[in-house]
Amino acid sequence: MVKLRKIGDSFMLTVPSEKVKKKGWKGGEEFDVNFDHDGNIVFSEI
């Protein structure tokens, strides 16, 4: 489960570690966030 948290004027998504490991992501990586034509969130590694 991914949880949306409000921190000041921003929001943060918490992604479970097993999903992060499966993608091979590391802490500190940056992503561009967009939405597809169905409104789904799409993360693109920068």
N, C-alpha and C. Protein backbone atom coordinates (compact mmCIF):
# COMPACT_ATOMS: atom_id res chain seq x y z
N MET A 1 0.84 -1.17 0.00
CA MET A 1 0.00 0.00 0.00
C MET A 1 0.89 1.24 0.00
N VAL A 2 0.51 2.24 -0.78
CA VAL A 2 1.20 3.51 -0.84
C VAL A 2 0.38 4.52 -0.06
N LYS A 3 1.04 5.31 0.77
CA LYS A 3 0.34 6.27 1.60
C LYS A 3 0.72 7.69 1.22
N LEU A 4 -0.29 8.56 1.08
CA LEU A 4 -0.08 9.97 0.76
C LEU A 4 -0.07 10.76 2.07
N ARG A 5 0.99 11.55 2.27
CA ARG A 5 1.12 12.35 3.48
C ARG A 5 1.29 13.81 3.11
N LYS A 6 0.69 14.69 3.90
CA LYS A 6 0.84 16.14 3.70
C LYS A 6 1.92 16.63 4.64
N ILE A 7 2.91 17.31 4.07
CA ILE A 7 4.01 17.87 4.85
C ILE A 7 4.12 19.34 4.45
N GLY A 8 3.62 20.23 5.29
CA GLY A 8 3.61 21.65 4.97
C GLY A 8 2.74 21.89 3.75
N ASP A 9 3.32 22.52 2.72
CA ASP A 9 2.59 22.79 1.48
C ASP A 9 2.81 21.72 0.43
N SER A 10 3.48 20.62 0.79
CA SER A 10 3.79 19.55 -0.16
C SER A 10 3.14 18.25 0.28
N PHE A 11 3.20 17.28 -0.63
CA PHE A 11 2.70 15.94 -0.33
C PHE A 11 3.81 14.94 -0.62
N MET A 12 3.80 13.81 0.09
CA MET A 12 4.81 12.78 -0.10
C MET A 12 4.11 11.42 -0.19
N LEU A 13 4.54 10.61 -1.15
CA LEU A 13 4.06 9.24 -1.27
C LEU A 13 5.09 8.32 -0.64
N THR A 14 4.64 7.43 0.24
CA THR A 14 5.51 6.44 0.84
C THR A 14 5.32 5.13 0.08
N VAL A 15 6.40 4.64 -0.51
CA VAL A 15 6.35 3.42 -1.33
C VAL A 15 6.98 2.28 -0.54
N PRO A 16 6.31 1.13 -0.43
CA PRO A 16 6.86 0.00 0.31
C PRO A 16 8.23 -0.43 -0.24
N SER A 17 9.13 -0.81 0.67
CA SER A 17 10.50 -1.15 0.28
C SER A 17 10.56 -2.30 -0.72
N GLU A 18 9.65 -3.27 -0.65
CA GLU A 18 9.71 -4.38 -1.61
C GLU A 18 9.43 -3.90 -3.03
N LYS A 19 8.58 -2.88 -3.18
CA LYS A 19 8.31 -2.32 -4.51
C LYS A 19 9.53 -1.54 -5.01
N VAL A 20 10.16 -0.78 -4.11
CA VAL A 20 11.36 -0.01 -4.47
C VAL A 20 12.48 -0.95 -4.89
N LYS A 21 12.70 -2.02 -4.13
CA LYS A 21 13.75 -3.00 -4.46
C LYS A 21 13.46 -3.66 -5.81
N LYS A 22 12.18 -3.97 -6.06
CA LYS A 22 11.81 -4.62 -7.32
C LYS A 22 12.14 -3.74 -8.52
N LYS A 23 11.98 -2.41 -8.36
CA LYS A 23 12.31 -1.47 -9.43
C LYS A 23 13.80 -1.16 -9.50
N GLY A 24 14.55 -1.48 -8.43
CA GLY A 24 15.98 -1.20 -8.40
C GLY A 24 16.29 0.25 -8.05
N TRP A 25 15.29 0.95 -7.47
CA TRP A 25 15.49 2.34 -7.09
C TRP A 25 16.35 2.43 -5.84
N LYS A 26 17.05 3.55 -5.69
CA LYS A 26 17.89 3.81 -4.52
C LYS A 26 17.42 5.12 -3.87
N GLY A 27 17.69 5.28 -2.59
CA GLY A 27 17.34 6.51 -1.89
C GLY A 27 18.02 7.72 -2.52
N GLY A 28 17.31 8.83 -2.61
CA GLY A 28 17.87 10.05 -3.16
C GLY A 28 17.66 10.23 -4.66
N GLU A 29 17.12 9.21 -5.34
CA GLU A 29 16.87 9.35 -6.77
C GLU A 29 15.77 10.37 -7.01
N GLU A 30 15.79 11.02 -8.17
CA GLU A 30 14.79 12.01 -8.52
C GLU A 30 13.91 11.49 -9.65
N PHE A 31 12.63 11.86 -9.60
CA PHE A 31 11.65 11.41 -10.57
C PHE A 31 10.82 12.58 -11.05
N ASP A 32 10.39 12.52 -12.31
CA ASP A 32 9.40 13.42 -12.84
C ASP A 32 8.06 12.70 -12.66
N VAL A 33 7.02 13.41 -12.26
CA VAL A 33 5.72 12.79 -12.02
C VAL A 33 4.71 13.40 -12.98
N ASN A 34 4.03 12.54 -13.73
CA ASN A 34 3.00 12.97 -14.68
C ASN A 34 1.79 12.04 -14.55
N PHE A 35 0.79 12.30 -15.37
CA PHE A 35 -0.41 11.48 -15.40
C PHE A 35 -0.66 11.03 -16.83
N ASP A 36 -1.08 9.78 -17.01
CA ASP A 36 -1.41 9.31 -18.35
C ASP A 36 -2.84 9.72 -18.69
N HIS A 37 -3.32 9.31 -19.87
CA HIS A 37 -4.65 9.73 -20.34
C HIS A 37 -5.79 9.19 -19.48
N ASP A 38 -5.51 8.16 -18.65
CA ASP A 38 -6.52 7.61 -17.75
C ASP A 38 -6.44 8.21 -16.35
N GLY A 39 -5.48 9.12 -16.14
CA GLY A 39 -5.32 9.74 -14.83
C GLY A 39 -4.41 8.99 -13.88
N ASN A 40 -3.73 7.94 -14.38
CA ASN A 40 -2.79 7.19 -13.56
C ASN A 40 -1.48 7.95 -13.40
N ILE A 41 -0.87 7.83 -12.23
CA ILE A 41 0.42 8.48 -12.00
C ILE A 41 1.52 7.71 -12.71
N VAL A 42 2.41 8.46 -13.39
CA VAL A 42 3.53 7.87 -14.11
C VAL A 42 4.81 8.51 -13.58
N PHE A 43 5.73 7.69 -13.04
CA PHE A 43 7.01 8.17 -12.54
C PHE A 43 8.08 7.92 -13.61
N SER A 44 8.86 8.94 -13.92
CA SER A 44 9.96 8.80 -14.87
C SER A 44 11.24 9.17 -14.15
N GLU A 45 12.23 8.26 -14.18
CA GLU A 45 13.51 8.54 -13.55
C GLU A 45 14.21 9.66 -14.30
N ILE A 46 14.82 10.58 -13.55
CA ILE A 46 15.54 11.70 -14.16
C ILE A 46 17.01 11.36 -14.20
